[in-house]
Every structure is written in structure tokens, then in C-alpha cells.
Amino acid sequence: MGRVIAIDYGVRRTGIAATDPLQIIANGLTTVETPRLMAFLQEYVRREPVERFVVGKPMQTNGRESENLANVRRFVEKLQQTLPKIPVEWWDERYTSVMAHQTMLESGIGKMARRNKALVDEISACIILQGWMERRK
């Protein structure tokens, strides 16, 4: 069994989360500058067995596609070309940033740390992965 990697794609930086090898626990992994994202994923796949990618699908609250979805689609196409043996699934990422901020508040993270957008992106990726894992049960 390999890990599942969740990706919260952003124009500047991308949050990444990963399961443990048995796919029981979702953990925030890191935030990567988006121009370095593909190289990061290729290196990660060389070191760790990855069963699939779960990519956040940015949608508006009314269910329409968000402005960033075209960028995410281009990334997914490149990901599928670069790592064709690893399947990619979409996951509706509406409200993940709001949930990430709420999680930070509830965990007692200080005000300055809550302004850290990289941490928000990493937590958002973890929320995407946790949702995917819960649906799978």
C-alpha cells in the first residue's frame, strides 16, 4: 500500500499533505513554491511509494468553477504526463481555507502564526486528504 498525497494548488504556493503508508492518518507534509511543485513531487515519488494524488478542485460557493480551476487543470494534465502510473482524483475544496483558519484558532495557534499563508495551505491540503479518507470508509 502506498501513500496518498493531497494537493491544495495555488498560483504562488501549494500545500501538500500525505497519509501514512497504511493510509490511516492524514498529516500536513509541507508547502512548496508552485514553480518547484513538480520537481518536489517527482523527488517524493522516488523516495516513497505513492498510490494516488488527490487534488483540490477550486469551486465557488454557488457550485460554479472558480477562476483558479483552469490553472489547476493545467497542473493536473502535467502531473498525469509526468507521473502517468499514479492516478489523480479531484476533491471539492470549497471552505477548506475557512476550515483551516478555524482549526488554527481552535488549536491555540497565535495570531502571528495564523497569518502564515503557507501553514494555511498545508492545513487545507490536510483537510482535503482527511475528507477523501472519510469518504472512502
C-alpha atoms as a PDB file:
ATOM      1  CA  MET A   1       0.000   0.000   0.000  1.00  0.00           C
ATOM      2  CA  GLY A   2       1.368   3.423  -0.876  1.00  0.00           C
ATOM      3  CA  ARG A   3       0.736   6.875   0.460  1.00  0.00           C
ATOM      4  CA  VAL A   4      -1.974   9.187  -0.803  1.00  0.00           C
ATOM      5  CA  ILE A   5      -0.849  12.759  -1.455  1.00  0.00           C
ATOM      6  CA  ALA A   6      -3.302  15.670  -1.280  1.00  0.00           C
ATOM      7  CA  ILE A   7      -2.521  18.873  -3.151  1.00  0.00           C
ATOM      8  CA  ASP A   8      -4.021  22.294  -2.425  1.00  0.00           C
ATOM      9  CA  TYR A   9      -2.744  24.022  -5.568  1.00  0.00           C
ATOM     10  CA  GLY A  10      -2.144  27.744  -5.553  1.00  0.00           C
ATOM     11  CA  VAL A  11      -0.602  30.127  -8.047  1.00  0.00           C
ATOM     12  CA  ARG A  12       2.280  31.076  -5.711  1.00  0.00           C
ATOM     13  CA  ARG A  13       2.479  28.187  -3.275  1.00  0.00           C
ATOM     14  CA  THR A  14       0.902  24.778  -2.863  1.00  0.00           C
ATOM     15  CA  GLY A  15       0.007  22.926   0.316  1.00  0.00           C
ATOM     16  CA  ILE A  16       0.752  19.225   0.437  1.00  0.00           C
ATOM     17  CA  ALA A  17      -0.472  16.539   2.834  1.00  0.00           C
ATOM     18  CA  ALA A  18       0.237  12.805   2.905  1.00  0.00           C
ATOM     19  CA  THR A  19      -1.148   9.703   4.508  1.00  0.00           C
ATOM     20  CA  ASP A  20       0.988   7.257   6.403  1.00  0.00           C
ATOM     21  CA  PRO A  21       1.881   4.106   4.383  1.00  0.00           C
ATOM     22  CA  LEU A  22      -1.208   2.270   5.729  1.00  0.00           C
ATOM     23  CA  GLN A  23      -3.465   5.222   4.809  1.00  0.00           C
ATOM     24  CA  ILE A  24      -4.815   5.612   8.338  1.00  0.00           C
ATOM     25  CA  ILE A  25      -3.660   9.126   9.252  1.00  0.00           C
ATOM     26  CA  ALA A  26      -3.546  12.335   7.196  1.00  0.00           C
ATOM     27  CA  ASN A  27      -0.615  14.627   8.004  1.00  0.00           C
ATOM     28  CA  GLY A  28       0.367  18.011   6.685  1.00  0.00           C
ATOM     29  CA  LEU A  29       3.607  17.494   4.779  1.00  0.00           C
ATOM     30  CA  THR A  30       4.815  20.892   3.588  1.00  0.00           C
ATOM     31  CA  THR A  31       4.138  23.917   1.448  1.00  0.00           C
ATOM     32  CA  VAL A  32       6.078  24.252  -1.788  1.00  0.00           C
ATOM     33  CA  GLU A  33       6.528  27.245  -4.058  1.00  0.00           C
ATOM     34  CA  THR A  34       4.373  26.300  -7.037  1.00  0.00           C
ATOM     35  CA  PRO A  35       7.114  26.675  -9.669  1.00  0.00           C
ATOM     36  CA  ARG A  36       9.029  23.947  -7.754  1.00  0.00           C
ATOM     37  CA  LEU A  37       5.991  21.712  -7.212  1.00  0.00           C
ATOM     38  CA  MET A  38       6.525  19.166  -9.989  1.00  0.00           C
ATOM     39  CA  ALA A  39      10.185  18.655  -9.066  1.00  0.00           C
ATOM     40  CA  PHE A  40       9.171  18.189  -5.412  1.00  0.00           C
ATOM     41  CA  LEU A  41       6.535  15.579  -6.314  1.00  0.00           C
ATOM     42  CA  GLN A  42       8.913  13.685  -8.603  1.00  0.00           C
ATOM     43  CA  GLU A  43      11.529  13.526  -5.847  1.00  0.00           C
ATOM     44  CA  TYR A  44       8.940  12.475  -3.259  1.00  0.00           C
ATOM     45  CA  VAL A  45       7.689   9.652  -5.504  1.00  0.00           C
ATOM     46  CA  ARG A  46      11.274   8.440  -5.934  1.00  0.00           C
ATOM     47  CA  ARG A  47      11.629   8.107  -2.141  1.00  0.00           C
ATOM     48  CA  GLU A  48       8.143   6.959  -1.122  1.00  0.00           C
ATOM     49  CA  PRO A  49       5.543   4.701  -2.731  1.00  0.00           C
ATOM     50  CA  VAL A  50       2.558   6.856  -3.729  1.00  0.00           C
ATOM     51  CA  GLU A  51      -0.726   5.192  -4.615  1.00  0.00           C
ATOM     52  CA  ARG A  52      -2.621   8.283  -5.768  1.00  0.00           C
ATOM     53  CA  PHE A  53      -2.883  12.061  -5.778  1.00  0.00           C
ATOM     54  CA  VAL A  54      -5.970  13.887  -4.525  1.00  0.00           C
ATOM     55  CA  VAL A  55      -6.134  17.399  -5.941  1.00  0.00           C
ATOM     56  CA  GLY A  56      -8.373  20.091  -4.524  1.00  0.00           C
ATOM     57  CA  LYS A  57     -10.884  21.316  -7.096  1.00  0.00           C
ATOM     58  CA  PRO A  58     -11.489  25.023  -6.507  1.00  0.00           C
ATOM     59  CA  MET A  59     -15.182  25.822  -6.797  1.00  0.00           C
ATOM     60  CA  GLN A  60     -17.235  28.862  -5.902  1.00  0.00           C
ATOM     61  CA  THR A  61     -19.783  28.583  -3.112  1.00  0.00           C
ATOM     62  CA  ASN A  62     -22.587  28.508  -5.702  1.00  0.00           C
ATOM     63  CA  GLY A  63     -21.051  25.409  -7.315  1.00  0.00           C
ATOM     64  CA  ARG A  64     -19.580  27.170 -10.325  1.00  0.00           C
ATOM     65  CA  GLU A  65     -15.954  26.755 -11.299  1.00  0.00           C
ATOM     66  CA  SER A  66     -13.558  29.195  -9.701  1.00  0.00           C
ATOM     67  CA  GLU A  67     -11.145  31.374 -11.618  1.00  0.00           C
ATOM     68  CA  ASN A  68      -8.174  29.240 -10.482  1.00  0.00           C
ATOM     69  CA  LEU A  69      -9.605  25.963 -11.809  1.00  0.00           C
ATOM     70  CA  ALA A  70      -8.036  26.470 -15.255  1.00  0.00           C
ATOM     71  CA  ASN A  71      -4.597  26.681 -13.593  1.00  0.00           C
ATOM     72  CA  VAL A  72      -5.276  23.558 -11.549  1.00  0.00           C
ATOM     73  CA  ARG A  73      -6.428  21.651 -14.644  1.00  0.00           C
ATOM     74  CA  ARG A  74      -3.181  22.552 -16.450  1.00  0.00           C
ATOM     75  CA  PHE A  75      -1.214  21.344 -13.440  1.00  0.00           C
ATOM     76  CA  VAL A  76      -3.168  18.051 -13.302  1.00  0.00           C
ATOM     77  CA  GLU A  77      -2.544  17.460 -17.018  1.00  0.00           C
ATOM     78  CA  LYS A  78       1.181  17.985 -16.490  1.00  0.00           C
ATOM     79  CA  LEU A  79       1.115  15.769 -13.388  1.00  0.00           C
ATOM     80  CA  GLN A  80      -0.575  12.956 -15.340  1.00  0.00           C
ATOM     81  CA  GLN A  81       2.001  13.282 -18.126  1.00  0.00           C
ATOM     82  CA  THR A  82       4.936  13.379 -15.712  1.00  0.00           C
ATOM     83  CA  LEU A  83       3.775  10.592 -13.370  1.00  0.00           C
ATOM     84  CA  PRO A  84       1.313   8.611 -15.530  1.00  0.00           C
ATOM     85  CA  LYS A  85       1.216   5.490 -13.352  1.00  0.00           C
ATOM     86  CA  ILE A  86      -0.252   7.336 -10.361  1.00  0.00           C
ATOM     87  CA  PRO A  87      -3.984   8.101 -10.610  1.00  0.00           C
ATOM     88  CA  VAL A  88      -5.325  11.555  -9.812  1.00  0.00           C
ATOM     89  CA  GLU A  89      -8.663  12.221  -8.120  1.00  0.00           C
ATOM     90  CA  TRP A  90     -10.421  15.554  -7.697  1.00  0.00           C
ATOM     91  CA  TRP A  91     -11.812  16.718  -4.346  1.00  0.00           C
ATOM     92  CA  ASP A  92     -14.122  19.699  -3.844  1.00  0.00           C
ATOM     93  CA  GLU A  93     -12.053  22.118  -1.782  1.00  0.00           C
ATOM     94  CA  ARG A  94     -14.748  24.670  -1.001  1.00  0.00           C
ATOM     95  CA  TYR A  95     -14.365  26.081   2.503  1.00  0.00           C
ATOM     96  CA  THR A  96     -11.030  24.351   3.212  1.00  0.00           C
ATOM     97  CA  SER A  97      -9.277  27.673   3.854  1.00  0.00           C
ATOM     98  CA  VAL A  98     -12.041  28.714   6.254  1.00  0.00           C
ATOM     99  CA  MET A  99     -11.789  25.338   7.979  1.00  0.00           C
ATOM    100  CA  ALA A 100      -8.001  25.683   8.152  1.00  0.00           C
ATOM    101  CA  HIS A 101      -8.294  29.069   9.880  1.00  0.00           C
ATOM    102  CA  GLN A 102     -10.872  27.630  12.286  1.00  0.00           C
ATOM    103  CA  THR A 103      -8.569  24.690  13.042  1.00  0.00           C
ATOM    104  CA  MET A 104      -5.727  27.103  13.769  1.00  0.00           C
ATOM    105  CA  LEU A 105      -7.925  29.111  16.132  1.00  0.00           C
ATOM    106  CA  GLU A 106      -9.150  26.040  17.966  1.00  0.00           C
ATOM    107  CA  SER A 107      -5.640  24.642  18.346  1.00  0.00           C
ATOM    108  CA  GLY A 108      -4.442  27.813  20.053  1.00  0.00           C
ATOM    109  CA  ILE A 109      -2.029  28.916  17.345  1.00  0.00           C
ATOM    110  CA  GLY A 110      -1.060  32.538  17.947  1.00  0.00           C
ATOM    111  CA  LYS A 111      -2.250  35.451  15.852  1.00  0.00           C
ATOM    112  CA  MET A 112       1.074  35.919  14.049  1.00  0.00           C
ATOM    113  CA  ALA A 113       1.288  32.230  13.123  1.00  0.00           C
ATOM    114  CA  ARG A 114      -2.296  32.343  11.793  1.00  0.00           C
ATOM    115  CA  ARG A 115      -1.134  34.931   9.259  1.00  0.00           C
ATOM    116  CA  ASN A 116       1.272  32.366   7.825  1.00  0.00           C
ATOM    117  CA  LYS A 117      -0.400  31.585   4.489  1.00  0.00           C
ATOM    118  CA  ALA A 118       1.916  28.631   3.892  1.00  0.00           C
ATOM    119  CA  LEU A 119       0.621  26.994   7.061  1.00  0.00           C
ATOM    120  CA  VAL A 120      -2.971  27.646   5.967  1.00  0.00           C
ATOM    121  CA  ASP A 121      -2.227  25.956   2.621  1.00  0.00           C
ATOM    122  CA  GLU A 122      -0.679  22.924   4.328  1.00  0.00           C
ATOM    123  CA  ILE A 123      -3.620  22.572   6.717  1.00  0.00           C
ATOM    124  CA  SER A 124      -6.034  22.972   3.779  1.00  0.00           C
ATOM    125  CA  ALA A 125      -4.297  20.089   1.993  1.00  0.00           C
ATOM    126  CA  CYS A 126      -4.653  18.027   5.159  1.00  0.00           C
ATOM    127  CA  ILE A 127      -8.395  18.821   5.296  1.00  0.00           C
ATOM    128  CA  ILE A 128      -8.759  17.761   1.642  1.00  0.00           C
ATOM    129  CA  LEU A 129      -6.986  14.487   2.405  1.00  0.00           C
ATOM    130  CA  GLN A 130      -8.994  13.844   5.572  1.00  0.00           C
ATOM    131  CA  GLY A 131     -12.242  14.379   3.649  1.00  0.00           C
ATOM    132  CA  TRP A 132     -11.126  11.981   0.928  1.00  0.00           C
ATOM    133  CA  MET A 133     -10.182   9.380   3.541  1.00  0.00           C
ATOM    134  CA  GLU A 134     -13.529   9.713   5.350  1.00  0.00           C
ATOM    135  CA  ARG A 135     -15.499   9.313   2.127  1.00  0.00           C
ATOM    136  CA  ARG A 136     -13.557   6.163   1.337  1.00  0.00           C
ATOM    137  CA  LYS A 137     -14.638   4.438   4.574  1.00  0.00           C
END
